[in-house]
Amino acid sequence: MKKQKSTFALYFGNRGFFPESLIAEARTELSDTLKKLGHDFLMMDSNLTRFGAVESPEEGRKYAKFLDENRGKFEGVILCLPNFGDETGAVSALQDAGVPIYILAYPDELDKMKFHQRRDAFCGKFSIMDVFYQYQLPYTVFPPHTVHPFSKEFEQQIDVFDKVCRIVKGMKRMTVGAIGARTTAFKTVRYDELTLQKYGITTEALDLSEVFSRVRKLDITSTAAKQKAYRLGNYTNFKKVPEKAFENLVRFGVVIDEIIEEYNLDSLALRCWIEMEKEFGVCSLRTGHLQCDNYVCSQPGIG
């Protein structure tokens, strides 16, 4: 299935000392490239601020309002620096953006360093990164430090940023199942549920004994069990697997599918050490029906 590409809100930074003509060029160049790459985008009207860019906290607040008015219509922001840009205006504009921010800085050209051509976006990008770090405002950057929107490097960077945006969007309202308590031997898989919840990731914890009970009670002749057996049989070669072990895998698969549906799980972690091996003679499962139609068990413990 073809993935829907991210829609970006475009931000253009400015600094009065530098030529404003660079802003107009950037608005055209960046939008043309994004169209070519198959991305939709939103741009603030060029009449709302000087040249449609931001170079002061006041203009930043206008851009923040623009984002609020279009909330839910974009997955990320491209902070474009055709010239040095103003860092305080950028903070005012983007501190409540709530989506990933990619910082793009134009490169200078050695034969275009006169007053009406010089950009100095290289240094401006450092300034904005510095201030964003002070404000604890996350941002995304890639090497090389400066790229032109028409370059191959920009296409590569925007492709990765697109993936970042889609992952962030997918995890903002994510529910993770944690089946089985962590065993004391596996401290490497400890995690903080409250921190996950802070970022919109809910953890549903279930006891492994409940899963075992449901596995034992499952009717192996049910339609769900037959469908799972068919799926497993087409997944890999089970010719040398004992019939009882195969049945147990089928039972586990059906029960885990039921739990995924009951709790509306997007992902899960399943403790596979060592009760499954001792009590059922099977190891971790690898088939189910999450959104991608499969899930993968962790290493021993929960992870």
C-alpha atoms as a PDB file:
ATOM      1  CA  MET A   1       0.000   0.000   0.000  1.00  0.00           C
ATOM      2  CA  LYS A   2       1.379   3.411  -0.949  1.00  0.00           C
ATOM      3  CA  LYS A   3       2.190   5.624   2.030  1.00  0.00           C
ATOM      4  CA  GLN A   4       0.709   9.109   2.156  1.00  0.00           C
ATOM      5  CA  LYS A   5       3.513  11.670   2.178  1.00  0.00           C
ATOM      6  CA  SER A   6       3.599  14.305   4.903  1.00  0.00           C
ATOM      7  CA  THR A   7       2.197  17.792   4.468  1.00  0.00           C
ATOM      8  CA  PHE A   8       4.543  20.554   5.620  1.00  0.00           C
ATOM      9  CA  ALA A   9       3.982  24.064   6.925  1.00  0.00           C
ATOM     10  CA  LEU A  10       6.660  26.305   5.396  1.00  0.00           C
ATOM     11  CA  TYR A  11       8.406  28.942   7.501  1.00  0.00           C
ATOM     12  CA  PHE A  12      10.833  31.498   6.088  1.00  0.00           C
ATOM     13  CA  GLY A  13      13.271  33.348   8.310  1.00  0.00           C
ATOM     14  CA  ASN A  14      14.574  36.834   7.543  1.00  0.00           C
ATOM     15  CA  ARG A  15      17.005  39.389   8.933  1.00  0.00           C
ATOM     16  CA  GLY A  16      16.731  43.003   7.837  1.00  0.00           C
ATOM     17  CA  PHE A  17      20.413  43.444   6.972  1.00  0.00           C
ATOM     18  CA  PHE A  18      20.169  40.800   4.249  1.00  0.00           C
ATOM     19  CA  PRO A  19      18.475  41.093   0.822  1.00  0.00           C
ATOM     20  CA  GLU A  20      14.748  40.450   0.909  1.00  0.00           C
ATOM     21  CA  SER A  21      14.729  39.200  -2.696  1.00  0.00           C
ATOM     22  CA  LEU A  22      16.165  35.943  -1.376  1.00  0.00           C
ATOM     23  CA  ILE A  23      12.880  35.300   0.482  1.00  0.00           C
ATOM     24  CA  ALA A  24      10.746  35.484  -2.649  1.00  0.00           C
ATOM     25  CA  GLU A  25      13.131  33.159  -4.481  1.00  0.00           C
ATOM     26  CA  ALA A  26      13.058  30.648  -1.622  1.00  0.00           C
ATOM     27  CA  ARG A  27       9.251  30.598  -1.469  1.00  0.00           C
ATOM     28  CA  THR A  28       9.157  29.629  -5.144  1.00  0.00           C
ATOM     29  CA  GLU A  29      12.103  27.223  -5.101  1.00  0.00           C
ATOM     30  CA  LEU A  30      11.044  25.315  -1.996  1.00  0.00           C
ATOM     31  CA  SER A  31       7.401  25.001  -3.039  1.00  0.00           C
ATOM     32  CA  ASP A  32       8.361  23.866  -6.550  1.00  0.00           C
ATOM     33  CA  THR A  33      10.640  21.150  -5.164  1.00  0.00           C
ATOM     34  CA  LEU A  34       8.057  19.876  -2.696  1.00  0.00           C
ATOM     35  CA  LYS A  35       5.468  19.661  -5.467  1.00  0.00           C
ATOM     36  CA  LYS A  36       7.919  17.634  -7.541  1.00  0.00           C
ATOM     37  CA  LEU A  37       8.534  15.287  -4.601  1.00  0.00           C
ATOM     38  CA  GLY A  38       4.820  14.762  -4.058  1.00  0.00           C
ATOM     39  CA  HIS A  39       4.377  16.723  -0.816  1.00  0.00           C
ATOM     40  CA  ASP A  40       1.534  19.079  -0.027  1.00  0.00           C
ATOM     41  CA  PHE A  41       2.427  22.241   1.887  1.00  0.00           C
ATOM     42  CA  LEU A  42       0.989  25.326   3.570  1.00  0.00           C
ATOM     43  CA  MET A  43       2.500  28.815   3.267  1.00  0.00           C
ATOM     44  CA  MET A  44       1.522  31.926   5.173  1.00  0.00           C
ATOM     45  CA  ASP A  45       0.281  34.720   2.922  1.00  0.00           C
ATOM     46  CA  SER A  46       3.200  36.882   1.831  1.00  0.00           C
ATOM     47  CA  ASN A  47       1.230  40.014   2.781  1.00  0.00           C
ATOM     48  CA  LEU A  48       0.830  39.095   6.456  1.00  0.00           C
ATOM     49  CA  THR A  49       4.453  39.979   7.246  1.00  0.00           C
ATOM     50  CA  ARG A  50       7.324  41.612   5.407  1.00  0.00           C
ATOM     51  CA  PHE A  51       7.924  39.376   2.381  1.00  0.00           C
ATOM     52  CA  GLY A  52       5.927  36.561   4.023  1.00  0.00           C
ATOM     53  CA  ALA A  53       8.855  35.835   6.346  1.00  0.00           C
ATOM     54  CA  VAL A  54       9.518  36.155  10.095  1.00  0.00           C
ATOM     55  CA  GLU A  55      12.198  38.362  11.634  1.00  0.00           C
ATOM     56  CA  SER A  56      10.680  39.548  14.917  1.00  0.00           C
ATOM     57  CA  PRO A  57       8.644  38.153  17.844  1.00  0.00           C
ATOM     58  CA  GLU A  58       5.616  40.070  16.585  1.00  0.00           C
ATOM     59  CA  GLU A  59       5.823  38.461  13.161  1.00  0.00           C
ATOM     60  CA  GLY A  60       6.511  35.160  14.891  1.00  0.00           C
ATOM     61  CA  ARG A  61       3.197  35.437  16.739  1.00  0.00           C
ATOM     62  CA  LYS A  62       1.440  35.986  13.419  1.00  0.00           C
ATOM     63  CA  TYR A  63       3.017  32.797  12.120  1.00  0.00           C
ATOM     64  CA  ALA A  64       2.027  30.943  15.295  1.00  0.00           C
ATOM     65  CA  LYS A  65      -1.565  32.054  14.687  1.00  0.00           C
ATOM     66  CA  PHE A  66      -1.294  30.762  11.124  1.00  0.00           C
ATOM     67  CA  LEU A  67      -0.252  27.366  12.496  1.00  0.00           C
ATOM     68  CA  ASP A  68      -3.121  27.353  14.998  1.00  0.00           C
ATOM     69  CA  GLU A  69      -5.616  28.102  12.257  1.00  0.00           C
ATOM     70  CA  ASN A  70      -4.318  25.138  10.265  1.00  0.00           C
ATOM     71  CA  ARG A  71      -3.799  22.708  13.150  1.00  0.00           C
ATOM     72  CA  GLY A  72      -4.198  19.120  11.995  1.00  0.00           C
ATOM     73  CA  LYS A  73      -3.472  19.933   8.353  1.00  0.00           C
ATOM     74  CA  PHE A  74       0.312  19.450   8.536  1.00  0.00           C
ATOM     75  CA  GLU A  75       2.689  16.875   9.996  1.00  0.00           C
ATOM     76  CA  GLY A  76       5.884  18.935  10.132  1.00  0.00           C
ATOM     77  CA  VAL A  77       7.400  22.396   9.696  1.00  0.00           C
ATOM     78  CA  ILE A  78      10.239  23.254   7.327  1.00  0.00           C
ATOM     79  CA  LEU A  79      12.106  26.210   8.816  1.00  0.00           C
ATOM     80  CA  CYS A  80      13.792  27.674   5.746  1.00  0.00           C
ATOM     81  CA  LEU A  81      16.654  30.170   6.022  1.00  0.00           C
ATOM     82  CA  PRO A  82      17.264  31.912   2.692  1.00  0.00           C
ATOM     83  CA  ASN A  83      19.492  34.294   4.693  1.00  0.00           C
ATOM     84  CA  PHE A  84      20.741  34.500   8.282  1.00  0.00           C
ATOM     85  CA  GLY A  85      17.239  34.589   9.816  1.00  0.00           C
ATOM     86  CA  ASP A  86      16.097  35.834  13.208  1.00  0.00           C
ATOM     87  CA  GLU A  87      16.207  33.364  16.093  1.00  0.00           C
ATOM     88  CA  THR A  88      13.854  35.171  18.509  1.00  0.00           C
ATOM     89  CA  GLY A  89      11.145  35.386  15.856  1.00  0.00           C
ATOM     90  CA  ALA A  90      11.594  31.680  15.143  1.00  0.00           C
ATOM     91  CA  VAL A  91      11.058  30.773  18.804  1.00  0.00           C
ATOM     92  CA  SER A  92       7.957  32.941  19.011  1.00  0.00           C
ATOM     93  CA  ALA A  93       6.582  31.309  15.869  1.00  0.00           C
ATOM     94  CA  LEU A  94       7.366  27.669  16.557  1.00  0.00           C
ATOM     95  CA  GLN A  95       7.592  27.043  20.300  1.00  0.00           C
ATOM     96  CA  ASP A  96       4.055  25.605  20.273  1.00  0.00           C
ATOM     97  CA  ALA A  97       4.181  24.003  16.810  1.00  0.00           C
ATOM     98  CA  GLY A  98       3.715  20.527  18.273  1.00  0.00           C
ATOM     99  CA  VAL A  99       5.222  18.785  15.232  1.00  0.00           C
ATOM    100  CA  PRO A 100       8.792  18.012  14.073  1.00  0.00           C
ATOM    101  CA  ILE A 101      10.770  20.998  12.772  1.00  0.00           C
ATOM    102  CA  TYR A 102      13.378  20.599  10.042  1.00  0.00           C
ATOM    103  CA  ILE A 103      15.886  23.441   9.661  1.00  0.00           C
ATOM    104  CA  LEU A 104      16.973  24.157   6.091  1.00  0.00           C
ATOM    105  CA  ALA A 105      19.767  26.652   5.423  1.00  0.00           C
ATOM    106  CA  TYR A 106      20.706  27.861   1.938  1.00  0.00           C
ATOM    107  CA  PRO A 107      24.392  27.681   0.960  1.00  0.00           C
ATOM    108  CA  ASP A 108      26.349  30.779  -0.030  1.00  0.00           C
ATOM    109  CA  GLU A 109      28.059  30.887  -3.402  1.00  0.00           C
ATOM    110  CA  LEU A 110      31.591  32.277  -3.514  1.00  0.00           C
ATOM    111  CA  ASP A 111      30.849  34.402  -6.580  1.00  0.00           C
ATOM    112  CA  LYS A 112      27.705  35.869  -4.961  1.00  0.00           C
ATOM    113  CA  MET A 113      28.909  37.494  -1.763  1.00  0.00           C
ATOM    114  CA  LYS A 114      28.031  41.122  -2.462  1.00  0.00           C
ATOM    115  CA  PHE A 115      25.561  43.063  -0.317  1.00  0.00           C
ATOM    116  CA  HIS A 116      22.508  42.152  -2.426  1.00  0.00           C
ATOM    117  CA  GLN A 117      23.434  38.447  -2.702  1.00  0.00           C
ATOM    118  CA  ARG A 118      25.061  37.317   0.552  1.00  0.00           C
ATOM    119  CA  ARG A 119      23.043  34.890   2.692  1.00  0.00           C
ATOM    120  CA  ASP A 120      25.144  33.794   5.690  1.00  0.00           C
ATOM    121  CA  ALA A 121      22.469  31.170   6.449  1.00  0.00           C
ATOM    122  CA  PHE A 122      25.275  28.848   7.558  1.00  0.00           C
ATOM    123  CA  CYS A 123      25.779  30.940  10.705  1.00  0.00           C
ATOM    124  CA  GLY A 124      22.089  31.726  11.049  1.00  0.00           C
ATOM    125  CA  LYS A 125      21.284  28.026  11.292  1.00  0.00           C
ATOM    126  CA  PHE A 126      23.743  27.651  14.171  1.00  0.00           C
ATOM    127  CA  SER A 127      22.085  30.573  15.958  1.00  0.00           C
ATOM    128  CA  ILE A 128      18.591  29.120  15.657  1.00  0.00           C
ATOM    129  CA  MET A 129      19.784  25.662  16.716  1.00  0.00           C
ATOM    130  CA  ASP A 130      21.468  27.226  19.753  1.00  0.00           C
ATOM    131  CA  VAL A 131      18.386  29.169  20.848  1.00  0.00           C
ATOM    132  CA  PHE A 132      16.044  26.231  20.187  1.00  0.00           C
ATOM    133  CA  TYR A 133      18.269  24.123  22.417  1.00  0.00           C
ATOM    134  CA  GLN A 134      18.049  26.754  25.152  1.00  0.00           C
ATOM    135  CA  TYR A 135      14.251  26.700  24.891  1.00  0.00           C
ATOM    136  CA  GLN A 136      14.240  22.878  24.768  1.00  0.00           C
ATOM    137  CA  LEU A 137      12.493  23.056  21.422  1.00  0.00           C
ATOM    138  CA  PRO A 138      13.250  19.863  19.433  1.00  0.00           C
ATOM    139  CA  TYR A 139      14.438  20.200  15.840  1.00  0.00           C
ATOM    140  CA  THR A 140      15.799  18.008  13.053  1.00  0.00           C
ATOM    141  CA  VAL A 141      18.961  18.654  11.044  1.00  0.00           C
ATOM    142  CA  PHE A 142      21.103  16.552   8.710  1.00  0.00           C
ATOM    143  CA  PRO A 143      24.559  16.835   7.157  1.00  0.00           C
ATOM    144  CA  PRO A 144      25.601  18.702   5.123  1.00  0.00           C
ATOM    145  CA  HIS A 145      24.836  21.842   7.110  1.00  0.00           C
ATOM    146  CA  THR A 146      23.589  23.845   4.108  1.00  0.00           C
ATOM    147  CA  VAL A 147      21.730  22.560   1.048  1.00  0.00           C
ATOM    148  CA  HIS A 148      19.815  24.118  -1.810  1.00  0.00           C
ATOM    149  CA  PRO A 149      16.181  22.966  -2.324  1.00  0.00           C
ATOM    150  CA  PHE A 150      17.073  21.960  -5.882  1.00  0.00           C
ATOM    151  CA  SER A 151      19.883  19.665  -4.718  1.00  0.00           C
ATOM    152  CA  LYS A 152      19.890  15.880  -4.416  1.00  0.00           C
ATOM    153  CA  GLU A 153      20.961  16.252  -0.782  1.00  0.00           C
ATOM    154  CA  PHE A 154      17.776  18.163  -0.002  1.00  0.00           C
ATOM    155  CA  GLU A 155      15.648  15.416  -1.578  1.00  0.00           C
ATOM    156  CA  GLN A 156      17.413  12.862   0.615  1.00  0.00           C
ATOM    157  CA  GLN A 157      16.975  14.975   3.738  1.00  0.00           C
ATOM    158  CA  ILE A 158      13.293  15.644   3.132  1.00  0.00           C
ATOM    159  CA  ASP A 159      12.697  11.946   2.524  1.00  0.00           C
ATOM    160  CA  VAL A 160      14.081  11.126   5.983  1.00  0.00           C
ATOM    161  CA  PHE A 161      12.219  14.028   7.579  1.00  0.00           C
ATOM    162  CA  ASP A 162       9.000  12.783   6.019  1.00  0.00           C
ATOM    163  CA  LYS A 163       9.534   9.466   7.817  1.00  0.00           C
ATOM    164  CA  VAL A 164      10.260  11.305  11.081  1.00  0.00           C
ATOM    165  CA  CYS A 165       6.963  13.190  10.782  1.00  0.00           C
ATOM    166  CA  ARG A 166       4.943  10.083  10.035  1.00  0.00           C
ATOM    167  CA  ILE A 167       6.473   8.194  12.960  1.00  0.00           C
ATOM    168  CA  VAL A 168       5.821  11.081  15.359  1.00  0.00           C
ATOM    169  CA  LYS A 169       2.240  11.395  14.141  1.00  0.00           C
ATOM    170  CA  GLY A 170       1.670   7.664  14.538  1.00  0.00           C
ATOM    171  CA  MET A 171       2.995   7.612  18.098  1.00  0.00           C
ATOM    172  CA  LYS A 172       1.081  10.587  19.464  1.00  0.00           C
ATOM    173  CA  ARG A 173      -1.946   8.457  20.302  1.00  0.00           C
ATOM    174  CA  MET A 174      -0.307   5.062  20.549  1.00  0.00           C
ATOM    175  CA  THR A 175      -1.330   2.161  22.783  1.00  0.00           C
ATOM    176  CA  VAL A 176       1.301  -0.427  23.694  1.00  0.00           C
ATOM    177  CA  GLY A 177       0.541  -3.756  25.318  1.00  0.00           C
ATOM    178  CA  ALA A 178       2.999  -5.054  27.925  1.00  0.00           C
ATOM    179  CA  ILE A 179       2.214  -8.724  28.521  1.00  0.00           C
ATOM    180  CA  GLY A 180       4.060 -10.245  31.450  1.00  0.00           C
ATOM    181  CA  ALA A 181       6.085  -8.508  34.151  1.00  0.00           C
ATOM    182  CA  ARG A 182       9.799  -7.967  33.625  1.00  0.00           C
ATOM    183  CA  THR A 183      11.887 -10.706  35.205  1.00  0.00           C
ATOM    184  CA  THR A 184      14.619  -9.582  37.593  1.00  0.00           C
ATOM    185  CA  ALA A 185      17.350 -10.874  35.279  1.00  0.00           C
ATOM    186  CA  PHE A 186      16.479  -8.426  32.516  1.00  0.00           C
ATOM    187  CA  LYS A 187      17.012  -4.912  33.832  1.00  0.00           C
ATOM    188  CA  THR A 188      18.001  -3.782  30.336  1.00  0.00           C
ATOM    189  CA  VAL A 189      14.323  -3.575  29.353  1.00  0.00           C
ATOM    190  CA  ARG A 190      13.085  -1.315  32.156  1.00  0.00           C
ATOM    191  CA  TYR A 191      11.032   1.673  31.041  1.00  0.00           C
ATOM    192  CA  ASP A 192       9.067   4.599  32.456  1.00  0.00           C
ATOM    193  CA  GLU A 193       5.318   4.439  31.791  1.00  0.00           C
ATOM    194  CA  LEU A 194       4.728   7.990  32.996  1.00  0.00           C
ATOM    195  CA  THR A 195       7.261   9.392  30.533  1.00  0.00           C
ATOM    196  CA  LEU A 196       5.631   7.435  27.723  1.00  0.00           C
ATOM    197  CA  GLN A 197       2.229   8.805  28.726  1.00  0.00           C
ATOM    198  CA  LYS A 198       3.621  12.327  28.715  1.00  0.00           C
ATOM    199  CA  TYR A 199       4.212  11.870  25.001  1.00  0.00           C
ATOM    200  CA  GLY A 200       0.806  10.291  24.342  1.00  0.00           C
ATOM    201  CA  ILE A 201       1.859   6.631  24.493  1.00  0.00           C
ATOM    202  CA  THR A 202      -0.451   4.570  26.716  1.00  0.00           C
ATOM    203  CA  THR A 203       0.739   1.277  28.214  1.00  0.00           C
ATOM    204  CA  GLU A 204      -1.756  -1.519  28.875  1.00  0.00           C
ATOM    205  CA  ALA A 205      -0.187  -4.075  31.242  1.00  0.00           C
ATOM    206  CA  LEU A 206      -1.486  -7.657  31.345  1.00  0.00           C
ATOM    207  CA  ASP A 207      -0.402 -10.590  33.470  1.00  0.00           C
ATOM    208  CA  LEU A 208       1.077 -13.584  31.662  1.00  0.00           C
ATOM    209  CA  SER A 209      -1.045 -15.972  33.753  1.00  0.00           C
ATOM    210  CA  GLU A 210      -4.195 -14.515  32.166  1.00  0.00           C
ATOM    211  CA  VAL A 211      -2.792 -15.251  28.719  1.00  0.00           C
ATOM    212  CA  PHE A 212      -1.896 -18.814  29.721  1.00  0.00           C
ATOM    213  CA  SER A 213      -5.397 -19.404  31.074  1.00  0.00           C
ATOM    214  CA  ARG A 214      -7.001 -18.195  27.843  1.00  0.00           C
ATOM    215  CA  VAL A 215      -4.592 -20.286  25.763  1.00  0.00           C
ATOM    216  CA  ARG A 216      -5.529 -23.476  27.645  1.00  0.00           C
ATOM    217  CA  LYS A 217      -9.275 -22.787  27.297  1.00  0.00           C
ATOM    218  CA  LEU A 218      -9.203 -21.954  23.594  1.00  0.00           C
ATOM    219  CA  ASP A 219     -11.152 -24.279  21.294  1.00  0.00           C
ATOM    220  CA  ILE A 220      -8.627 -25.499  18.736  1.00  0.00           C
ATOM    221  CA  THR A 221     -11.488 -26.353  16.346  1.00  0.00           C
ATOM    222  CA  SER A 222     -12.831 -22.784  16.283  1.00  0.00           C
ATOM    223  CA  THR A 223     -12.865 -20.739  13.081  1.00  0.00           C
ATOM    224  CA  ALA A 224     -10.252 -18.343  14.474  1.00  0.00           C
ATOM    225  CA  ALA A 225      -7.933 -21.257  15.322  1.00  0.00           C
ATOM    226  CA  LYS A 226      -8.343 -22.785  11.865  1.00  0.00           C
ATOM    227  CA  GLN A 227      -7.565 -19.461  10.219  1.00  0.00           C
ATOM    228  CA  LYS A 228      -4.497 -19.006  12.418  1.00  0.00           C
ATOM    229  CA  ALA A 229      -3.290 -22.526  11.646  1.00  0.00           C
ATOM    230  CA  TYR A 230      -3.657 -21.808   7.936  1.00  0.00           C
ATOM    231  CA  ARG A 231      -1.722 -18.556   8.278  1.00  0.00           C
ATOM    232  CA  LEU A 232       1.089 -20.147  10.265  1.00  0.00           C
ATOM    233  CA  GLY A 233       1.256 -23.057   7.861  1.00  0.00           C
ATOM    234  CA  ASN A 234       1.799 -20.657   4.982  1.00  0.00           C
ATOM    235  CA  TYR A 235       4.234 -18.543   6.950  1.00  0.00           C
ATOM    236  CA  THR A 236       7.006 -21.127   7.232  1.00  0.00           C
ATOM    237  CA  ASN A 237       7.720 -24.873   7.127  1.00  0.00           C
ATOM    238  CA  PHE A 238       6.339 -26.709  10.194  1.00  0.00           C
ATOM    239  CA  LYS A 239       6.947 -30.276   8.964  1.00  0.00           C
ATOM    240  CA  LYS A 240       9.376 -31.096  11.772  1.00  0.00           C
ATOM    241  CA  VAL A 241       7.388 -29.308  14.478  1.00  0.00           C
ATOM    242  CA  PRO A 242       5.471 -31.630  16.833  1.00  0.00           C
ATOM    243  CA  GLU A 243       1.697 -31.395  16.367  1.00  0.00           C
ATOM    244  CA  LYS A 244       1.126 -30.374  19.996  1.00  0.00           C
ATOM    245  CA  ALA A 245       3.683 -27.559  19.746  1.00  0.00           C
ATOM    246  CA  PHE A 246       2.042 -26.303  16.553  1.00  0.00           C
ATOM    247  CA  GLU A 247      -1.358 -26.328  18.262  1.00  0.00           C
ATOM    248  CA  ASN A 248       0.075 -24.294  21.131  1.00  0.00           C
ATOM    249  CA  LEU A 249       1.449 -21.725  18.695  1.00  0.00           C
ATOM    250  CA  VAL A 250      -1.988 -21.503  17.091  1.00  0.00           C
ATOM    251  CA  ARG A 251      -3.628 -21.025  20.500  1.00  0.00           C
ATOM    252  CA  PHE A 252      -1.167 -18.305  21.474  1.00  0.00           C
ATOM    253  CA  GLY A 253      -1.661 -16.571  18.139  1.00  0.00           C
ATOM    254  CA  VAL A 254      -5.435 -16.446  18.490  1.00  0.00           C
ATOM    255  CA  VAL A 255      -5.316 -15.235  22.092  1.00  0.00           C
ATOM    256  CA  ILE A 256      -2.816 -12.483  21.295  1.00  0.00           C
ATOM    257  CA  ASP A 257      -4.989 -11.396  18.361  1.00  0.00           C
ATOM    258  CA  GLU A 258      -7.970 -11.174  20.727  1.00  0.00           C
ATOM    259  CA  ILE A 259      -5.995  -9.081  23.212  1.00  0.00           C
ATOM    260  CA  ILE A 260      -4.836  -6.731  20.445  1.00  0.00           C
ATOM    261  CA  GLU A 261      -8.456  -6.167  19.412  1.00  0.00           C
ATOM    262  CA  GLU A 262      -9.810  -5.846  22.970  1.00  0.00           C
ATOM    263  CA  TYR A 263      -7.287  -3.194  23.994  1.00  0.00           C
ATOM    264  CA  ASN A 264      -6.919  -1.573  20.555  1.00  0.00           C
ATOM    265  CA  LEU A 265      -3.147  -2.092  20.635  1.00  0.00           C
ATOM    266  CA  ASP A 266      -0.826  -0.529  18.081  1.00  0.00           C
ATOM    267  CA  SER A 267       2.152  -2.515  19.352  1.00  0.00           C
ATOM    268  CA  LEU A 268       2.956  -5.006  22.073  1.00  0.00           C
ATOM    269  CA  ALA A 269       5.803  -6.503  24.052  1.00  0.00           C
ATOM    270  CA  LEU A 270       5.481 -10.110  25.206  1.00  0.00           C
ATOM    271  CA  ARG A 271       7.574 -11.732  27.920  1.00  0.00           C
ATOM    272  CA  CYS A 272       8.794 -14.973  26.426  1.00  0.00           C
ATOM    273  CA  TRP A 273      11.237 -16.153  29.098  1.00  0.00           C
ATOM    274  CA  ILE A 274      10.970 -18.829  30.368  1.00  0.00           C
ATOM    275  CA  GLU A 275       7.407 -19.930  31.169  1.00  0.00           C
ATOM    276  CA  MET A 276       6.362 -20.494  27.558  1.00  0.00           C
ATOM    277  CA  GLU A 277       9.194 -22.916  26.996  1.00  0.00           C
ATOM    278  CA  LYS A 278       8.601 -24.745  30.298  1.00  0.00           C
ATOM    279  CA  GLU A 279       4.805 -24.961  30.219  1.00  0.00           C
ATOM    280  CA  PHE A 280       3.982 -25.086  26.513  1.00  0.00           C
ATOM    281  CA  GLY A 281       7.160 -26.167  24.754  1.00  0.00           C
ATOM    282  CA  VAL A 282       7.108 -23.212  22.364  1.00  0.00           C
ATOM    283  CA  CYS A 283       9.067 -19.998  21.911  1.00  0.00           C
ATOM    284  CA  SER A 284       7.913 -16.488  21.036  1.00  0.00           C
ATOM    285  CA  LEU A 285       5.264 -15.764  18.425  1.00  0.00           C
ATOM    286  CA  ARG A 286       5.765 -13.807  15.234  1.00  0.00           C
ATOM    287  CA  THR A 287       2.341 -13.610  13.604  1.00  0.00           C
ATOM    288  CA  GLY A 288      -0.769 -11.641  14.450  1.00  0.00           C
ATOM    289  CA  HIS A 289      -2.936  -8.844  13.100  1.00  0.00           C
ATOM    290  CA  LEU A 290      -1.618  -5.487  14.165  1.00  0.00           C
ATOM    291  CA  GLN A 291      -1.839  -2.729  11.574  1.00  0.00           C
ATOM    292  CA  CYS A 292       1.068  -4.240   9.620  1.00  0.00           C
ATOM    293  CA  ASP A 293      -0.458  -7.731  10.101  1.00  0.00           C
ATOM    294  CA  ASN A 294       2.430  -9.002  12.185  1.00  0.00           C
ATOM    295  CA  TYR A 295       4.166  -8.344  15.441  1.00  0.00           C
ATOM    296  CA  VAL A 296       7.498  -9.435  16.801  1.00  0.00           C
ATOM    297  CA  CYS A 297       8.216 -10.670  20.288  1.00  0.00           C
ATOM    298  CA  SER A 298      11.065  -9.157  22.210  1.00  0.00           C
ATOM    299  CA  GLN A 299      14.187 -10.767  23.481  1.00  0.00           C
ATOM    300  CA  PRO A 300      13.681 -12.505  26.854  1.00  0.00           C
ATOM    301  CA  GLY A 301      11.889 -10.088  29.161  1.00  0.00           C
ATOM    302  CA  ILE A 302       9.824  -7.165  27.897  1.00  0.00           C
ATOM    303  CA  GLY A 303      11.316  -4.876  25.285  1.00  0.00           C
END
